[in-house]
Amino acid sequence: MDVKEWEQEAEGSTDRDAIQRVVSKTLETANQVEKTQPDIRKFGKLVPTLIERGIEGINLSMFDDTTKQAILTEVGDECLRKGKINDAVKAYVFAGSRDRLVALGENYESMGMYSNAIDMYVYAKAKERLEVIGDKCIRDAKFSDAIKALNHSGNRKKLLDVGDECMKRAKWDFALEIFSILGNKQKLNELGDMCCTSSQLFGYACRAYELAGDKERLSRLADLCLREGLINTAYKTYATADNTAMVAFIKENFMKNQLA
């Protein structure tokens, strides 16, 4: 998720009290490390003006990297003080202020706002934090957040384990998402085979086989659909399998009236 997407999602948050507590805690952290930053007091009066121009419109190309980071971090801190958390995140990202982003993530996490916390850790490239919160999300059965965290952490083995757990719990959507991310055809076929046991799950089976690129299994699934009297589903599944003979057979014998 990029900063713009996160901003749009965050605007929909209704827990303003929780957000304010996150802001307050992050500013406390910022004040504790302020002494380690370069002296930018001469820019202090300009910070509100820079904020008014918009984060994207600030041009600091004339300064060295250390000064640019310090100014942008101060802009981010000031945005937090004013309650402009989205602008603060932008400033921290542009500044590369990993410590501020991690602090925001930790405070979101402490409030149980895992999705927002994960976004902050992603911006900060904090892979260890992502793995830790990913494990926490698994324990809390928050599989969507767990997938996001572990995918960005790069821990493919742990992500695979989550996929297996989702299959055991019949969380087919999450399992499909994980095995698709991993490009694991074997697991996709395994999931598809499991979903062939019930006509109510044929849709998942079709999607799994399609992602795995297994046309033979798709044709066998279409055979099942045909036997169950699911003519339209069988037709679409044969078409997905590129089984032109069976597509023509269904058209000629079952769908003439529909196509007329």
C-alpha atoms as a PDB file:
ATOM      1  CA  MET A   1       0.000   0.000   0.000  1.00  0.00           C
ATOM      2  CA  ASP A   2       1.392   3.406  -0.920  1.00  0.00           C
ATOM      3  CA  VAL A   3       0.958   6.550   1.179  1.00  0.00           C
ATOM      4  CA  LYS A   4      -1.993   7.799  -0.873  1.00  0.00           C
ATOM      5  CA  GLU A   5      -3.909   4.532  -0.458  1.00  0.00           C
ATOM      6  CA  TRP A   6      -3.183   4.484   3.267  1.00  0.00           C
ATOM      7  CA  GLU A   7      -4.394   8.086   3.570  1.00  0.00           C
ATOM      8  CA  GLN A   8      -7.705   7.233   1.918  1.00  0.00           C
ATOM      9  CA  GLU A   9      -8.184   4.207   4.184  1.00  0.00           C
ATOM     10  CA  ALA A  10      -7.221   6.084   7.341  1.00  0.00           C
ATOM     11  CA  GLU A  11      -9.764   8.811   6.600  1.00  0.00           C
ATOM     12  CA  GLY A  12     -12.450   6.178   7.058  1.00  0.00           C
ATOM     13  CA  SER A  13     -11.352   5.380  10.615  1.00  0.00           C
ATOM     14  CA  THR A  14     -13.986   6.202  13.229  1.00  0.00           C
ATOM     15  CA  ASP A  15     -11.946   5.645  16.375  1.00  0.00           C
ATOM     16  CA  ARG A  16     -10.691   9.205  16.740  1.00  0.00           C
ATOM     17  CA  ASP A  17      -9.889   8.823  20.449  1.00  0.00           C
ATOM     18  CA  ALA A  18      -7.606   5.878  19.679  1.00  0.00           C
ATOM     19  CA  ILE A  19      -5.929   7.823  16.874  1.00  0.00           C
ATOM     20  CA  GLN A  20      -5.322  10.744  19.238  1.00  0.00           C
ATOM     21  CA  ARG A  21      -3.691   8.439  21.777  1.00  0.00           C
ATOM     22  CA  VAL A  22      -1.439   7.067  19.040  1.00  0.00           C
ATOM     23  CA  VAL A  23      -0.450  10.638  18.104  1.00  0.00           C
ATOM     24  CA  SER A  24       0.274  11.623  21.703  1.00  0.00           C
ATOM     25  CA  LYS A  25       2.445   8.576  22.373  1.00  0.00           C
ATOM     26  CA  THR A  26       4.383   9.084  19.143  1.00  0.00           C
ATOM     27  CA  LEU A  27       5.073  12.726  19.975  1.00  0.00           C
ATOM     28  CA  GLU A  28       6.354  11.666  23.412  1.00  0.00           C
ATOM     29  CA  THR A  29       8.793   9.333  21.658  1.00  0.00           C
ATOM     30  CA  ALA A  30       9.776  12.104  19.254  1.00  0.00           C
ATOM     31  CA  ASN A  31      10.550  14.464  22.125  1.00  0.00           C
ATOM     32  CA  GLN A  32      12.784  11.855  23.748  1.00  0.00           C
ATOM     33  CA  VAL A  33      15.010  11.522  20.659  1.00  0.00           C
ATOM     34  CA  GLU A  34      14.865  15.179  19.588  1.00  0.00           C
ATOM     35  CA  LYS A  35      18.298  15.952  21.008  1.00  0.00           C
ATOM     36  CA  THR A  36      19.950  13.563  18.578  1.00  0.00           C
ATOM     37  CA  GLN A  37      18.699  15.548  15.569  1.00  0.00           C
ATOM     38  CA  PRO A  38      20.663  18.336  13.808  1.00  0.00           C
ATOM     39  CA  ASP A  39      19.934  21.875  14.989  1.00  0.00           C
ATOM     40  CA  ILE A  40      17.180  23.165  12.690  1.00  0.00           C
ATOM     41  CA  ARG A  41      15.852  25.915  14.941  1.00  0.00           C
ATOM     42  CA  LYS A  42      16.427  28.503  12.201  1.00  0.00           C
ATOM     43  CA  PHE A  43      13.803  26.678  10.122  1.00  0.00           C
ATOM     44  CA  GLY A  44      11.313  26.451  12.967  1.00  0.00           C
ATOM     45  CA  LYS A  45       9.218  29.449  11.926  1.00  0.00           C
ATOM     46  CA  LEU A  46       9.093  28.167   8.352  1.00  0.00           C
ATOM     47  CA  VAL A  47       7.639  24.783   9.235  1.00  0.00           C
ATOM     48  CA  PRO A  48       3.973  25.960   9.257  1.00  0.00           C
ATOM     49  CA  THR A  49       4.539  27.570   5.848  1.00  0.00           C
ATOM     50  CA  LEU A  50       6.060  24.373   4.504  1.00  0.00           C
ATOM     51  CA  ILE A  51       3.050  22.431   5.765  1.00  0.00           C
ATOM     52  CA  GLU A  52       0.684  24.834   4.012  1.00  0.00           C
ATOM     53  CA  ARG A  53       2.524  24.270   0.727  1.00  0.00           C
ATOM     54  CA  GLY A  54       1.838  20.557   0.998  1.00  0.00           C
ATOM     55  CA  ILE A  55       4.388  17.826   1.652  1.00  0.00           C
ATOM     56  CA  GLU A  56       4.799  16.987  -2.045  1.00  0.00           C
ATOM     57  CA  GLY A  57       5.481  20.640  -2.871  1.00  0.00           C
ATOM     58  CA  ILE A  58       8.444  21.088  -0.529  1.00  0.00           C
ATOM     59  CA  ASN A  59      11.779  21.483  -2.367  1.00  0.00           C
ATOM     60  CA  LEU A  60      14.802  20.812  -0.162  1.00  0.00           C
ATOM     61  CA  SER A  61      17.229  19.839  -2.917  1.00  0.00           C
ATOM     62  CA  MET A  62      19.655  22.574  -1.850  1.00  0.00           C
ATOM     63  CA  PHE A  63      20.359  20.856   1.505  1.00  0.00           C
ATOM     64  CA  ASP A  64      22.408  17.787   2.382  1.00  0.00           C
ATOM     65  CA  ASP A  65      20.569  14.558   3.201  1.00  0.00           C
ATOM     66  CA  THR A  66      20.930  14.936   6.963  1.00  0.00           C
ATOM     67  CA  THR A  67      19.392  18.424   6.948  1.00  0.00           C
ATOM     68  CA  LYS A  68      16.588  17.386   4.582  1.00  0.00           C
ATOM     69  CA  GLN A  69      15.710  14.474   6.828  1.00  0.00           C
ATOM     70  CA  ALA A  70      15.721  16.672   9.925  1.00  0.00           C
ATOM     71  CA  ILE A  71      13.478  19.317   8.346  1.00  0.00           C
ATOM     72  CA  LEU A  72      10.997  16.802   6.976  1.00  0.00           C
ATOM     73  CA  THR A  73      10.918  14.976  10.295  1.00  0.00           C
ATOM     74  CA  GLU A  74      10.164  18.255  12.069  1.00  0.00           C
ATOM     75  CA  VAL A  75       7.431  18.916   9.515  1.00  0.00           C
ATOM     76  CA  GLY A  76       6.017  15.471  10.304  1.00  0.00           C
ATOM     77  CA  ASP A  77       6.137  16.133  14.043  1.00  0.00           C
ATOM     78  CA  GLU A  78       4.347  19.450  13.589  1.00  0.00           C
ATOM     79  CA  CYS A  79       1.688  17.752  11.455  1.00  0.00           C
ATOM     80  CA  LEU A  80       1.141  15.271  14.284  1.00  0.00           C
ATOM     81  CA  ARG A  81       0.768  18.122  16.789  1.00  0.00           C
ATOM     82  CA  LYS A  82      -1.903  19.625  14.535  1.00  0.00           C
ATOM     83  CA  GLY A  83      -3.663  16.272  14.196  1.00  0.00           C
ATOM     84  CA  LYS A  84      -2.733  15.903  10.504  1.00  0.00           C
ATOM     85  CA  ILE A  85      -1.611  12.332  10.839  1.00  0.00           C
ATOM     86  CA  ASN A  86      -1.791  11.525   7.128  1.00  0.00           C
ATOM     87  CA  ASP A  87       0.527  14.431   6.275  1.00  0.00           C
ATOM     88  CA  ALA A  88       2.821  13.379   9.113  1.00  0.00           C
ATOM     89  CA  VAL A  89       3.138   9.892   7.647  1.00  0.00           C
ATOM     90  CA  LYS A  90       3.941  11.368   4.222  1.00  0.00           C
ATOM     91  CA  ALA A  91       6.641  13.570   5.720  1.00  0.00           C
ATOM     92  CA  TYR A  92       8.207  10.680   7.644  1.00  0.00           C
ATOM     93  CA  VAL A  93       8.198   8.495   4.535  1.00  0.00           C
ATOM     94  CA  PHE A  94       9.841  11.198   2.419  1.00  0.00           C
ATOM     95  CA  ALA A  95      12.350  11.823   5.210  1.00  0.00           C
ATOM     96  CA  GLY A  96      13.119   8.133   5.655  1.00  0.00           C
ATOM     97  CA  SER A  97      12.403   8.578   9.375  1.00  0.00           C
ATOM     98  CA  ARG A  98      12.172   4.897  10.256  1.00  0.00           C
ATOM     99  CA  ASP A  99      12.176   5.582  13.995  1.00  0.00           C
ATOM    100  CA  ARG A 100       9.060   7.778  13.772  1.00  0.00           C
ATOM    101  CA  LEU A 101       7.243   5.303  11.522  1.00  0.00           C
ATOM    102  CA  VAL A 102       8.123   2.405  13.819  1.00  0.00           C
ATOM    103  CA  ALA A 103       6.954   4.442  16.830  1.00  0.00           C
ATOM    104  CA  LEU A 104       3.635   5.079  15.085  1.00  0.00           C
ATOM    105  CA  GLY A 105       3.384   1.377  14.287  1.00  0.00           C
ATOM    106  CA  GLU A 106       4.089   0.344  17.869  1.00  0.00           C
ATOM    107  CA  ASN A 107       1.465   2.734  19.186  1.00  0.00           C
ATOM    108  CA  TYR A 108      -1.122   1.567  16.668  1.00  0.00           C
ATOM    109  CA  GLU A 109      -0.276  -2.008  17.635  1.00  0.00           C
ATOM    110  CA  SER A 110      -0.715  -1.273  21.334  1.00  0.00           C
ATOM    111  CA  MET A 111      -4.220  -0.002  20.534  1.00  0.00           C
ATOM    112  CA  GLY A 112      -5.049  -3.188  18.611  1.00  0.00           C
ATOM    113  CA  MET A 113      -5.104  -1.301  15.298  1.00  0.00           C
ATOM    114  CA  TYR A 114      -3.058  -3.965  13.524  1.00  0.00           C
ATOM    115  CA  SER A 115      -3.749  -2.982   9.928  1.00  0.00           C
ATOM    116  CA  ASN A 116      -2.498   0.578  10.495  1.00  0.00           C
ATOM    117  CA  ALA A 117       0.477  -0.729  12.462  1.00  0.00           C
ATOM    118  CA  ILE A 118       1.444  -3.037   9.617  1.00  0.00           C
ATOM    119  CA  ASP A 119       1.301  -0.155   7.138  1.00  0.00           C
ATOM    120  CA  MET A 120       3.741   1.828   9.292  1.00  0.00           C
ATOM    121  CA  TYR A 121       6.136  -1.116   9.556  1.00  0.00           C
ATOM    122  CA  VAL A 122       5.945  -1.596   5.790  1.00  0.00           C
ATOM    123  CA  TYR A 123       6.890   2.062   5.203  1.00  0.00           C
ATOM    124  CA  ALA A 124       9.724   1.669   7.701  1.00  0.00           C
ATOM    125  CA  LYS A 125      10.884  -1.599   6.087  1.00  0.00           C
ATOM    126  CA  ALA A 126      10.828  -3.077   9.609  1.00  0.00           C
ATOM    127  CA  LYS A 127      10.767  -6.768   8.675  1.00  0.00           C
ATOM    128  CA  GLU A 128      11.291  -8.061  12.209  1.00  0.00           C
ATOM    129  CA  ARG A 129       8.332  -6.023  13.447  1.00  0.00           C
ATOM    130  CA  LEU A 130       6.233  -7.341  10.573  1.00  0.00           C
ATOM    131  CA  GLU A 131       7.020 -10.932  11.530  1.00  0.00           C
ATOM    132  CA  VAL A 132       6.161 -10.313  15.180  1.00  0.00           C
ATOM    133  CA  ILE A 133       2.827  -8.659  14.416  1.00  0.00           C
ATOM    134  CA  GLY A 134       2.142 -11.319  11.787  1.00  0.00           C
ATOM    135  CA  ASP A 135       2.451 -14.006  14.465  1.00  0.00           C
ATOM    136  CA  LYS A 136       0.163 -12.012  16.739  1.00  0.00           C
ATOM    137  CA  CYS A 137      -2.454 -11.726  13.982  1.00  0.00           C
ATOM    138  CA  ILE A 138      -2.305 -15.501  13.424  1.00  0.00           C
ATOM    139  CA  ARG A 139      -2.952 -16.134  17.116  1.00  0.00           C
ATOM    140  CA  ASP A 140      -5.908 -13.732  16.992  1.00  0.00           C
ATOM    141  CA  ALA A 141      -7.215 -15.334  13.753  1.00  0.00           C
ATOM    142  CA  LYS A 142      -6.811 -12.003  11.923  1.00  0.00           C
ATOM    143  CA  PHE A 143      -5.716 -13.749   8.753  1.00  0.00           C
ATOM    144  CA  SER A 144      -6.059 -10.796   6.389  1.00  0.00           C
ATOM    145  CA  ASP A 145      -3.642  -8.737   8.497  1.00  0.00           C
ATOM    146  CA  ALA A 146      -1.365 -11.748   8.989  1.00  0.00           C
ATOM    147  CA  ILE A 147      -1.111 -12.228   5.229  1.00  0.00           C
ATOM    148  CA  LYS A 148      -0.245  -8.573   4.676  1.00  0.00           C
ATOM    149  CA  ALA A 149       2.398  -8.542   7.406  1.00  0.00           C
ATOM    150  CA  LEU A 150       4.112 -11.802   6.480  1.00  0.00           C
ATOM    151  CA  ASN A 151       4.002 -11.087   2.750  1.00  0.00           C
ATOM    152  CA  HIS A 152       5.868  -7.815   3.298  1.00  0.00           C
ATOM    153  CA  SER A 153       8.260  -9.443   5.774  1.00  0.00           C
ATOM    154  CA  GLY A 154       9.447 -11.801   3.048  1.00  0.00           C
ATOM    155  CA  ASN A 155       9.031 -14.879   5.260  1.00  0.00           C
ATOM    156  CA  ARG A 156       7.546 -17.210   2.659  1.00  0.00           C
ATOM    157  CA  LYS A 157       7.730 -20.318   4.854  1.00  0.00           C
ATOM    158  CA  LYS A 158       5.688 -18.738   7.602  1.00  0.00           C
ATOM    159  CA  LEU A 159       3.217 -17.451   5.027  1.00  0.00           C
ATOM    160  CA  LEU A 160       2.884 -20.995   3.690  1.00  0.00           C
ATOM    161  CA  ASP A 161       2.170 -22.227   7.227  1.00  0.00           C
ATOM    162  CA  VAL A 162      -0.609 -19.649   7.497  1.00  0.00           C
ATOM    163  CA  GLY A 163      -2.052 -20.915   4.223  1.00  0.00           C
ATOM    164  CA  ASP A 164      -2.114 -24.469   5.584  1.00  0.00           C
ATOM    165  CA  GLU A 165      -3.822 -23.250   8.752  1.00  0.00           C
ATOM    166  CA  CYS A 166      -6.418 -21.395   6.671  1.00  0.00           C
ATOM    167  CA  MET A 167      -7.141 -24.602   4.755  1.00  0.00           C
ATOM    168  CA  LYS A 168      -7.612 -26.534   7.997  1.00  0.00           C
ATOM    169  CA  ARG A 169     -10.106 -23.892   9.143  1.00  0.00           C
ATOM    170  CA  ALA A 170     -11.869 -23.814   5.741  1.00  0.00           C
ATOM    171  CA  LYS A 171     -10.840 -20.184   5.227  1.00  0.00           C
ATOM    172  CA  TRP A 172     -10.723 -20.744   1.489  1.00  0.00           C
ATOM    173  CA  ASP A 173     -10.447 -17.104   0.399  1.00  0.00           C
ATOM    174  CA  PHE A 174      -7.400 -16.502   2.584  1.00  0.00           C
ATOM    175  CA  ALA A 175      -5.776 -19.782   1.577  1.00  0.00           C
ATOM    176  CA  LEU A 176      -6.288 -18.977  -2.110  1.00  0.00           C
ATOM    177  CA  GLU A 177      -4.768 -15.533  -1.623  1.00  0.00           C
ATOM    178  CA  ILE A 178      -1.694 -16.945   0.122  1.00  0.00           C
ATOM    179  CA  PHE A 179      -0.989 -19.761  -2.329  1.00  0.00           C
ATOM    180  CA  SER A 180      -1.523 -17.336  -5.201  1.00  0.00           C
ATOM    181  CA  ILE A 181       0.978 -14.869  -3.682  1.00  0.00           C
ATOM    182  CA  LEU A 182       3.466 -17.702  -3.264  1.00  0.00           C
ATOM    183  CA  GLY A 183       2.785 -19.111  -6.717  1.00  0.00           C
ATOM    184  CA  ASN A 184       2.538 -22.551  -5.097  1.00  0.00           C
ATOM    185  CA  LYS A 185       0.771 -24.713  -7.700  1.00  0.00           C
ATOM    186  CA  GLN A 186       0.936 -27.841  -5.575  1.00  0.00           C
ATOM    187  CA  LYS A 187      -0.948 -26.177  -2.721  1.00  0.00           C
ATOM    188  CA  LEU A 188      -3.432 -24.582  -5.113  1.00  0.00           C
ATOM    189  CA  ASN A 189      -4.211 -28.003  -6.559  1.00  0.00           C
ATOM    190  CA  GLU A 190      -4.466 -29.479  -3.068  1.00  0.00           C
ATOM    191  CA  LEU A 191      -6.952 -26.766  -2.114  1.00  0.00           C
ATOM    192  CA  GLY A 192      -8.891 -27.346  -5.311  1.00  0.00           C
ATOM    193  CA  ASP A 193      -9.082 -31.082  -4.648  1.00  0.00           C
ATOM    194  CA  MET A 194     -10.449 -30.430  -1.160  1.00  0.00           C
ATOM    195  CA  CYS A 195     -13.114 -28.104  -2.561  1.00  0.00           C
ATOM    196  CA  CYS A 196     -14.242 -30.684  -5.122  1.00  0.00           C
ATOM    197  CA  THR A 197     -15.926 -32.611  -2.317  1.00  0.00           C
ATOM    198  CA  SER A 198     -18.898 -30.231  -2.228  1.00  0.00           C
ATOM    199  CA  SER A 199     -20.753 -28.529  -5.058  1.00  0.00           C
ATOM    200  CA  GLN A 200     -20.982 -25.425  -2.863  1.00  0.00           C
ATOM    201  CA  LEU A 201     -17.189 -25.146  -3.049  1.00  0.00           C
ATOM    202  CA  PHE A 202     -16.786 -25.732  -6.790  1.00  0.00           C
ATOM    203  CA  GLY A 203     -16.142 -22.018  -7.316  1.00  0.00           C
ATOM    204  CA  TYR A 204     -13.080 -22.168  -5.059  1.00  0.00           C
ATOM    205  CA  ALA A 205     -11.894 -25.330  -6.796  1.00  0.00           C
ATOM    206  CA  CYS A 206     -12.201 -23.672 -10.209  1.00  0.00           C
ATOM    207  CA  ARG A 207     -10.287 -20.602  -9.068  1.00  0.00           C
ATOM    208  CA  ALA A 208      -7.537 -22.713  -7.484  1.00  0.00           C
ATOM    209  CA  TYR A 209      -7.045 -24.865 -10.582  1.00  0.00           C
ATOM    210  CA  GLU A 210      -7.126 -21.789 -12.796  1.00  0.00           C
ATOM    211  CA  LEU A 211      -4.392 -20.113 -10.720  1.00  0.00           C
ATOM    212  CA  ALA A 212      -2.387 -23.344 -10.840  1.00  0.00           C
ATOM    213  CA  GLY A 213      -2.835 -23.537 -14.598  1.00  0.00           C
ATOM    214  CA  ASP A 214      -4.051 -27.145 -14.317  1.00  0.00           C
ATOM    215  CA  LYS A 215      -6.407 -27.654 -17.273  1.00  0.00           C
ATOM    216  CA  GLU A 216      -6.759 -31.383 -16.659  1.00  0.00           C
ATOM    217  CA  ARG A 217      -8.146 -30.789 -13.177  1.00  0.00           C
ATOM    218  CA  LEU A 218     -10.398 -28.028 -14.530  1.00  0.00           C
ATOM    219  CA  SER A 219     -11.897 -30.447 -17.044  1.00  0.00           C
ATOM    220  CA  ARG A 220     -12.468 -33.051 -14.315  1.00  0.00           C
ATOM    221  CA  LEU A 221     -14.173 -30.397 -12.200  1.00  0.00           C
ATOM    222  CA  ALA A 222     -16.357 -29.459 -15.164  1.00  0.00           C
ATOM    223  CA  ASP A 223     -17.316 -33.143 -15.473  1.00  0.00           C
ATOM    224  CA  LEU A 224     -18.458 -33.042 -11.841  1.00  0.00           C
ATOM    225  CA  CYS A 225     -20.477 -29.900 -12.509  1.00  0.00           C
ATOM    226  CA  LEU A 226     -22.149 -31.576 -15.474  1.00  0.00           C
ATOM    227  CA  ARG A 227     -23.088 -34.614 -13.391  1.00  0.00           C
ATOM    228  CA  GLU A 228     -24.543 -32.298 -10.734  1.00  0.00           C
ATOM    229  CA  GLY A 229     -26.652 -30.581 -13.399  1.00  0.00           C
ATOM    230  CA  LEU A 230     -24.733 -27.311 -13.089  1.00  0.00           C
ATOM    231  CA  ILE A 231     -24.762 -26.686 -16.827  1.00  0.00           C
ATOM    232  CA  ASN A 232     -23.661 -23.045 -16.873  1.00  0.00           C
ATOM    233  CA  THR A 233     -20.894 -23.696 -14.356  1.00  0.00           C
ATOM    234  CA  ALA A 234     -19.714 -26.702 -16.334  1.00  0.00           C
ATOM    235  CA  TYR A 235     -19.714 -24.648 -19.549  1.00  0.00           C
ATOM    236  CA  LYS A 236     -17.623 -21.862 -18.008  1.00  0.00           C
ATOM    237  CA  THR A 237     -15.211 -24.353 -16.419  1.00  0.00           C
ATOM    238  CA  TYR A 238     -14.674 -26.239 -19.670  1.00  0.00           C
ATOM    239  CA  ALA A 239     -14.062 -22.889 -21.359  1.00  0.00           C
ATOM    240  CA  THR A 240     -11.480 -21.988 -18.708  1.00  0.00           C
ATOM    241  CA  ALA A 241      -9.823 -25.362 -19.357  1.00  0.00           C
ATOM    242  CA  ASP A 242      -9.796 -24.661 -23.113  1.00  0.00           C
ATOM    243  CA  ASN A 243     -11.750 -27.894 -23.597  1.00  0.00           C
ATOM    244  CA  THR A 244     -13.278 -26.867 -26.926  1.00  0.00           C
ATOM    245  CA  ALA A 245     -14.963 -30.230 -27.565  1.00  0.00           C
ATOM    246  CA  MET A 246     -16.997 -30.115 -24.353  1.00  0.00           C
ATOM    247  CA  VAL A 247     -17.767 -26.414 -24.805  1.00  0.00           C
ATOM    248  CA  ALA A 248     -19.230 -27.241 -28.236  1.00  0.00           C
ATOM    249  CA  PHE A 249     -21.105 -30.260 -26.801  1.00  0.00           C
ATOM    250  CA  ILE A 250     -22.837 -28.167 -24.126  1.00  0.00           C
ATOM    251  CA  LYS A 251     -23.622 -25.388 -26.590  1.00  0.00           C
ATOM    252  CA  GLU A 252     -25.263 -27.783 -29.026  1.00  0.00           C
ATOM    253  CA  ASN A 253     -27.150 -29.920 -26.544  1.00  0.00           C
ATOM    254  CA  PHE A 254     -27.983 -27.737 -23.560  1.00  0.00           C
ATOM    255  CA  MET A 255     -27.708 -24.067 -24.467  1.00  0.00           C
ATOM    256  CA  LYS A 256     -29.349 -23.658 -27.867  1.00  0.00           C
ATOM    257  CA  ASN A 257     -32.462 -22.124 -26.391  1.00  0.00           C
ATOM    258  CA  GLN A 258     -30.406 -19.737 -24.240  1.00  0.00           C
ATOM    259  CA  LEU A 259     -28.319 -18.634 -27.219  1.00  0.00           C
ATOM    260  CA  ALA A 260     -31.267 -18.293 -29.610  1.00  0.00           C
END
